[in-house]
C-alpha cells in the first residue's frame, strides 16, 4: 500500500512533468556490488528549468535502470508529445549514447555538453601528457622528488588562483627539460578552455572557445598527441560544446549535485536491493515533493 501510494503521489500528479524546458541527463551508480557490472547503473532525469528561470532548485523527475541510448529513447518516447515539444535544451556529459537518443527523440531540442566535463576532458589530456613525459624522460612513474610529479595538482589549478609558490613551481617545471614544452603548450590550452567558460560575457566566451577549437583543428606539431586527441573530440562535439554559450549557460552541475545527494541517500540507507523502492526513495528525497508529502 505504501509503495502504491508513493507511486500515485509522484507519477499521477499533473505537475510531475509540467513546464520542463531544460532537461538534464546523467548516469548514476545505485549499488556497489562485485560482479553486477552494468546492472549497477541507472540513468537519472532532472528538470533544470527552475534554476534557469530563477524560480527554484533543480528537481529529480525519474530514475531508470541502465545507462544507454535505449534507456533514454524509451523514457522520452513514453512521455507525451507535449512534453517532448516543450524540451528545448538537454544537458549531458560526453557520452555518445545520450546524445544519439536526444537527437533522435527530441530533434528540435539542443544537446549541450556540460562545461565541467569539457574542462575535465582537457585536464585528463594534460595529466596524460605529464605522465607520458614522466615515463619518456625518467623511465618510471612519478616519485616524490620528481618535479613533474610535484606539479600534478598545480598544473590543474586555474592560473588566477595560483599563489607565488605555485607560479614558481611551474616556472621551474618549464625550465627543467626541453621536452617539457609539450606540457607547457597543453597546460596553456587547458587554461584557455577554463578562461572561455569563466568569461562574464557569453559571446566573448564563445569566441574564445571557438578559437581553441579552431587552433587545435588546424594541425599540431609532433609531440602533442594528447592535444591532437582533445582537438578531434572538441571538433566532433563542437555544436554541443558551443551550445553552452548560446543557451543561457545551462549546465549539468545541478544534475551532478543531485547525483551526489542520491549517493548520500544510498549510504545512509546502507544500500538498497530493490530498485523500484530505491527509485521512489530518490524521488521523495530529491523530487521537490515536500509539499505533497506534508499534505497527506
Protein backbone atom coordinates (compact mmCIF):
# COMPACT_ATOMS: atom_id res chain seq x y z
CA UNK A 1 0.00 0.00 0.00
CA UNK A 2 2.77 2.40 0.89
CA UNK A 3 4.53 1.70 -2.42
CA UNK A 4 1.35 2.27 -4.44
CA UNK A 5 0.61 5.48 -2.53
CA UNK A 6 4.12 6.77 -3.24
CA UNK A 7 3.83 5.96 -6.96
CA UNK A 8 0.47 7.73 -7.14
CA UNK A 9 1.83 10.72 -5.24
CA UNK A 10 4.68 11.09 -7.72
CA UNK A 11 3.73 9.84 -11.16
CA UNK A 12 -0.01 10.54 -11.13
CA UNK A 13 0.36 14.17 -10.10
CA UNK A 14 -0.40 16.53 -13.02
CA UNK A 15 2.59 18.76 -12.23
CA UNK A 16 5.16 15.98 -12.18
CA UNK A 17 6.40 16.69 -15.73
CA UNK A 18 4.92 20.15 -16.17
CA UNK A 19 6.97 23.01 -17.59
CA UNK A 20 10.19 21.13 -18.36
CA UNK A 21 12.21 23.18 -20.88
CA UNK A 22 15.75 22.30 -19.77
CA UNK A 23 16.35 18.59 -19.12
CA UNK A 24 19.49 17.17 -17.52
CA UNK A 25 20.60 13.56 -18.04
CA UNK A 26 23.35 11.68 -16.23
CA UNK A 27 24.37 8.17 -15.25
CA UNK A 28 24.12 7.04 -11.65
CA UNK A 29 25.55 4.05 -9.78
CA UNK A 30 22.79 2.86 -7.48
CA UNK A 31 24.63 -0.07 -5.89
CA UNK A 32 28.21 -1.22 -5.50
CA UNK A 33 28.24 -5.00 -5.76
CA UNK A 34 31.01 -7.04 -7.32
CA UNK A 35 30.08 -8.93 -10.44
CA UNK A 36 26.93 -6.88 -11.16
CA UNK A 37 28.52 -4.83 -13.96
CA UNK A 38 26.10 -2.68 -15.92
CA UNK A 39 23.17 -3.74 -13.72
CA UNK A 40 24.55 -1.42 -11.05
CA UNK A 41 23.97 1.70 -13.16
CA UNK A 42 20.92 3.80 -13.83
CA UNK A 43 20.07 6.99 -15.73
CA UNK A 44 18.62 9.99 -13.91
CA UNK A 45 16.43 12.70 -15.48
CA UNK A 46 16.44 16.14 -13.87
CA UNK A 47 14.38 19.28 -14.53
CA UNK A 48 16.75 22.28 -14.64
CA UNK A 49 14.11 24.80 -15.72
CA UNK A 50 13.55 26.37 -12.25
CA UNK A 51 17.25 27.19 -11.99
CA UNK A 52 17.36 28.82 -15.42
CA UNK A 53 14.22 30.84 -14.63
CA UNK A 54 15.43 31.68 -11.13
CA UNK A 55 12.28 30.29 -9.55
CA UNK A 56 13.68 27.38 -7.56
CA UNK A 57 16.00 24.40 -7.43
CA UNK A 58 16.52 21.52 -9.84
CA UNK A 59 14.24 18.56 -9.26
CA UNK A 60 14.59 14.88 -9.97
CA UNK A 61 12.00 13.63 -12.47
CA UNK A 62 12.78 9.93 -12.76
CA UNK A 63 15.39 7.18 -12.45
CA UNK A 64 15.54 4.34 -14.98
CA UNK A 65 17.66 1.20 -14.84
CA UNK A 66 20.60 1.05 -17.24
CA UNK A 67 22.78 3.64 -19.00
CA UNK A 68 22.39 3.56 -22.76
CA UNK A 69 20.79 5.30 -25.70
CA UNK A 70 17.92 2.81 -25.49
CA UNK A 71 17.13 3.79 -21.89
CA UNK A 72 16.88 7.49 -22.77
CA UNK A 73 14.99 6.85 -26.01
CA UNK A 74 12.45 4.63 -24.25
CA UNK A 75 11.88 7.14 -21.46
CA UNK A 76 11.40 10.03 -23.87
CA UNK A 77 9.07 8.06 -26.15
CA UNK A 78 6.91 7.18 -23.15
CA UNK A 79 6.35 10.87 -22.47
CA UNK A 80 3.58 12.85 -24.15
CA UNK A 81 4.17 14.79 -27.39
CA UNK A 82 3.52 17.99 -25.45
CA UNK A 83 6.35 17.16 -23.04
CA UNK A 84 8.80 16.36 -25.85
CA UNK A 85 7.87 19.52 -27.73
CA UNK A 86 8.42 21.58 -24.59
CA UNK A 87 12.02 20.43 -24.01
CA UNK A 88 14.34 22.95 -25.67
CA UNK A 89 17.74 22.10 -24.15
CA UNK A 90 19.20 18.79 -22.92
CA UNK A 91 22.41 18.93 -20.85
CA UNK A 92 24.64 15.87 -20.58
CA UNK A 93 28.22 14.64 -20.41
CA UNK A 94 30.16 13.47 -23.45
CA UNK A 95 28.53 10.02 -23.65
CA UNK A 96 27.59 9.48 -27.30
CA UNK A 97 24.62 7.25 -26.42
CA UNK A 98 22.78 10.05 -24.61
CA UNK A 99 23.48 12.44 -27.49
CA UNK A 100 22.17 9.97 -30.07
CA UNK A 101 18.98 9.30 -28.11
CA UNK A 102 18.35 13.02 -27.64
CA UNK A 103 18.82 13.98 -31.28
CA UNK A 104 16.55 11.14 -32.42
CA UNK A 105 13.73 11.61 -29.88
CA UNK A 106 13.95 15.40 -29.48
CA UNK A 107 15.01 16.67 -32.91
CA UNK A 108 14.01 20.26 -32.09
CA UNK A 109 15.98 20.43 -28.84
CA UNK A 110 19.62 21.45 -28.42
CA UNK A 111 22.01 18.90 -26.84
CA UNK A 112 24.52 20.64 -24.60
CA UNK A 113 27.79 19.19 -23.33
CA UNK A 114 28.36 20.31 -19.76
CA UNK A 115 31.33 22.69 -19.07
CA UNK A 116 32.50 20.52 -16.18
CA UNK A 117 33.03 17.57 -18.49
CA UNK A 118 34.78 19.66 -21.16
CA UNK A 119 37.23 21.05 -18.60
CA UNK A 120 37.63 17.58 -17.10
CA UNK A 121 38.44 16.18 -20.55
CA UNK A 122 41.09 18.85 -21.14
CA UNK A 123 42.53 18.16 -17.68
CA UNK A 124 42.73 14.44 -18.43
CA UNK A 125 44.76 15.17 -21.57
CA UNK A 126 47.05 17.43 -19.55
CA UNK A 127 47.60 14.68 -16.99
CA UNK A 128 48.18 12.11 -19.74
CA UNK A 129 50.83 14.37 -21.28
CA UNK A 130 52.57 14.76 -17.92
CA UNK A 131 52.56 11.01 -17.33
CA UNK A 132 53.89 10.30 -20.82
CA UNK A 133 56.79 12.74 -20.34
CA UNK A 134 57.48 11.25 -16.92
CA UNK A 135 57.99 7.81 -18.48
CA UNK A 136 59.88 9.14 -21.50
CA UNK A 137 62.33 11.30 -19.53
CA UNK A 138 62.75 9.39 -16.27
CA UNK A 139 61.76 5.85 -17.28
CA UNK A 140 59.47 5.32 -14.29
CA UNK A 141 56.27 6.53 -12.71
CA UNK A 142 56.24 9.77 -10.75
CA UNK A 143 58.14 9.84 -7.47
CA UNK A 144 58.02 12.33 -4.64
CA UNK A 145 61.19 14.14 -5.69
CA UNK A 146 60.28 14.38 -9.38
CA UNK A 147 59.25 17.91 -10.34
CA UNK A 148 56.73 16.55 -12.85
CA UNK A 149 55.04 14.61 -10.08
CA UNK A 150 55.22 17.50 -7.61
CA UNK A 151 53.39 19.73 -10.08
CA UNK A 152 50.48 17.36 -10.80
CA UNK A 153 47.96 19.42 -8.80
CA UNK A 154 49.47 22.79 -9.63
CA UNK A 155 49.01 22.07 -13.33
CA UNK A 156 45.27 21.51 -12.83
CA UNK A 157 44.77 24.70 -10.81
CA UNK A 158 43.30 27.73 -12.54
CA UNK A 159 46.19 30.14 -13.10
CA UNK A 160 44.38 33.09 -11.49
CA UNK A 161 44.21 31.05 -8.26
CA UNK A 162 47.91 30.20 -8.12
CA UNK A 163 50.00 31.66 -5.32
CA UNK A 164 53.68 32.54 -5.67
CA UNK A 165 54.74 29.04 -4.68
CA UNK A 166 52.62 27.53 -7.44
CA UNK A 167 53.84 30.03 -10.02
CA UNK A 168 57.46 29.38 -9.10
CA UNK A 169 56.91 25.63 -9.36
CA UNK A 170 55.55 25.98 -12.89
CA UNK A 171 58.44 28.18 -13.95
CA UNK A 172 60.91 25.58 -12.69
CA UNK A 173 58.92 22.88 -14.45
CA UNK A 174 59.05 24.65 -17.82
CA UNK A 175 62.80 25.25 -17.47
CA UNK A 176 63.74 21.76 -16.21
CA UNK A 177 63.77 19.94 -19.56
CA UNK A 178 63.38 20.87 -23.23
CA UNK A 179 60.69 18.22 -23.72
CA UNK A 180 58.53 19.99 -21.14
CA UNK A 181 57.49 22.43 -23.88
CA UNK A 182 54.79 19.91 -24.86
CA UNK A 183 53.43 20.01 -21.32
CA UNK A 184 53.51 23.81 -21.26
CA UNK A 185 51.55 24.07 -24.52
CA UNK A 186 48.97 21.55 -23.28
CA UNK A 187 48.72 23.45 -20.00
CA UNK A 188 48.06 26.74 -21.81
CA UNK A 189 45.26 25.18 -23.86
CA UNK A 190 43.72 23.75 -20.67
CA UNK A 191 43.79 27.22 -19.11
CA UNK A 192 42.29 28.75 -22.27
CA UNK A 193 39.34 26.35 -22.00
CA UNK A 194 38.77 27.42 -18.39
CA UNK A 195 39.05 31.12 -19.31
CA UNK A 196 36.42 30.71 -22.05
CA UNK A 197 33.90 29.32 -19.56
CA UNK A 198 34.78 31.84 -16.84
CA UNK A 199 34.45 34.93 -19.02
CA UNK A 200 31.50 37.04 -17.79
CA UNK A 201 30.33 37.78 -21.35
CA UNK A 202 28.87 34.70 -23.07
CA UNK A 203 29.57 35.98 -26.58
CA UNK A 204 33.21 36.60 -25.77
CA UNK A 205 33.44 33.21 -24.05
CA UNK A 206 32.03 31.52 -27.14
CA UNK A 207 34.57 33.32 -29.32
CA UNK A 208 37.40 32.18 -27.05
CA UNK A 209 36.19 28.57 -27.12
CA UNK A 210 35.78 28.67 -30.89
CA UNK A 211 39.35 29.94 -31.14
CA UNK A 212 40.63 26.99 -29.09
CA UNK A 213 38.72 24.50 -31.24
CA UNK A 214 39.97 26.09 -34.48
CA UNK A 215 43.59 26.19 -33.28
CA UNK A 216 43.56 22.51 -32.40
CA UNK A 217 41.79 21.66 -35.64
CA UNK A 218 44.43 23.29 -37.89
CA UNK A 219 47.02 20.69 -37.01
CA UNK A 220 49.64 20.37 -34.31
CA UNK A 221 53.40 19.65 -34.32
CA UNK A 222 54.68 16.20 -33.44
CA UNK A 223 54.85 15.56 -29.71
CA UNK A 224 51.43 16.98 -28.85
CA UNK A 225 49.48 13.74 -29.15
CA UNK A 226 47.18 14.49 -26.23
CA UNK A 227 46.23 17.88 -27.62
CA UNK A 228 45.52 16.30 -31.00
CA UNK A 229 43.12 13.86 -29.31
CA UNK A 230 41.44 16.73 -27.46
CA UNK A 231 41.14 18.70 -30.68
CA UNK A 232 39.42 15.83 -32.51
CA UNK A 233 36.92 15.39 -29.67
CA UNK A 234 36.12 19.09 -29.40
CA UNK A 235 35.69 19.39 -33.16
CA UNK A 236 33.37 16.39 -33.27
CA UNK A 237 31.30 17.75 -30.39
CA UNK A 238 31.70 21.46 -31.19
CA UNK A 239 27.96 22.10 -31.53
CA UNK A 240 27.32 20.59 -28.07
CA UNK A 241 30.25 22.49 -26.54
CA UNK A 242 29.35 25.89 -28.01
CA UNK A 243 25.66 25.45 -27.12
CA UNK A 244 26.52 26.34 -23.51
CA UNK A 245 27.31 29.91 -24.53
CA UNK A 246 24.21 30.20 -26.69
CA UNK A 247 21.58 28.77 -24.35
CA UNK A 248 21.73 30.89 -21.24
CA UNK A 249 24.51 28.97 -19.55
CA UNK A 250 22.54 25.80 -18.82
CA UNK A 251 24.78 23.36 -17.00
CA UNK A 252 24.74 19.77 -15.80
CA UNK A 253 26.27 20.87 -12.49
CA UNK A 254 22.94 20.70 -10.60
CA UNK A 255 22.40 17.21 -12.06
CA UNK A 256 25.76 16.17 -10.63
CA UNK A 257 24.70 17.69 -7.30
CA UNK A 258 21.52 15.60 -7.23
CA UNK A 259 23.62 12.59 -8.20
CA UNK A 260 25.74 13.25 -5.13
CA UNK A 261 22.65 13.53 -2.93
CA UNK A 262 21.45 10.17 -4.17
CA UNK A 263 24.85 8.67 -3.37
CA UNK A 264 24.43 10.04 0.16
CA UNK A 265 20.89 8.63 0.36
CA UNK A 266 22.19 5.20 -0.60
CA UNK A 267 24.89 5.49 2.05
CA UNK A 268 22.60 6.43 4.94
CA UNK A 269 20.22 3.66 3.82
CA UNK A 270 23.15 1.19 4.00
CA UNK A 271 22.44 0.23 0.41
CA UNK A 272 19.32 -0.88 -1.46
CA UNK A 273 18.43 -4.21 -3.06
CA UNK A 274 15.07 -3.41 -4.62
CA UNK A 275 15.50 -0.94 -7.49
CA UNK A 276 11.82 0.06 -7.53
CA UNK A 277 11.91 1.05 -3.87
CA UNK A 278 15.18 2.88 -4.45
CA UNK A 279 13.66 4.97 -7.25
CA UNK A 280 10.74 6.01 -5.04
CA UNK A 281 13.08 6.95 -2.20
CA UNK A 282 15.19 9.01 -4.63
CA UNK A 283 12.16 10.88 -5.93
CA UNK A 284 10.83 11.58 -2.44
CA UNK A 285 14.31 12.74 -1.44
CA UNK A 286 15.20 14.95 -4.44
CA UNK A 287 11.99 15.43 -6.41
CA UNK A 288 10.79 18.60 -4.62
CA UNK A 289 7.78 16.71 -3.24
CA UNK A 290 7.75 18.03 0.34
CA UNK A 291 4.52 19.98 -0.14
CA UNK A 292 2.72 16.94 -1.46
CA UNK A 293 4.04 14.71 1.33
CA UNK A 294 3.09 17.24 4.03
CA UNK A 295 -0.40 17.47 2.58
CA UNK A 296 -1.08 13.77 3.19
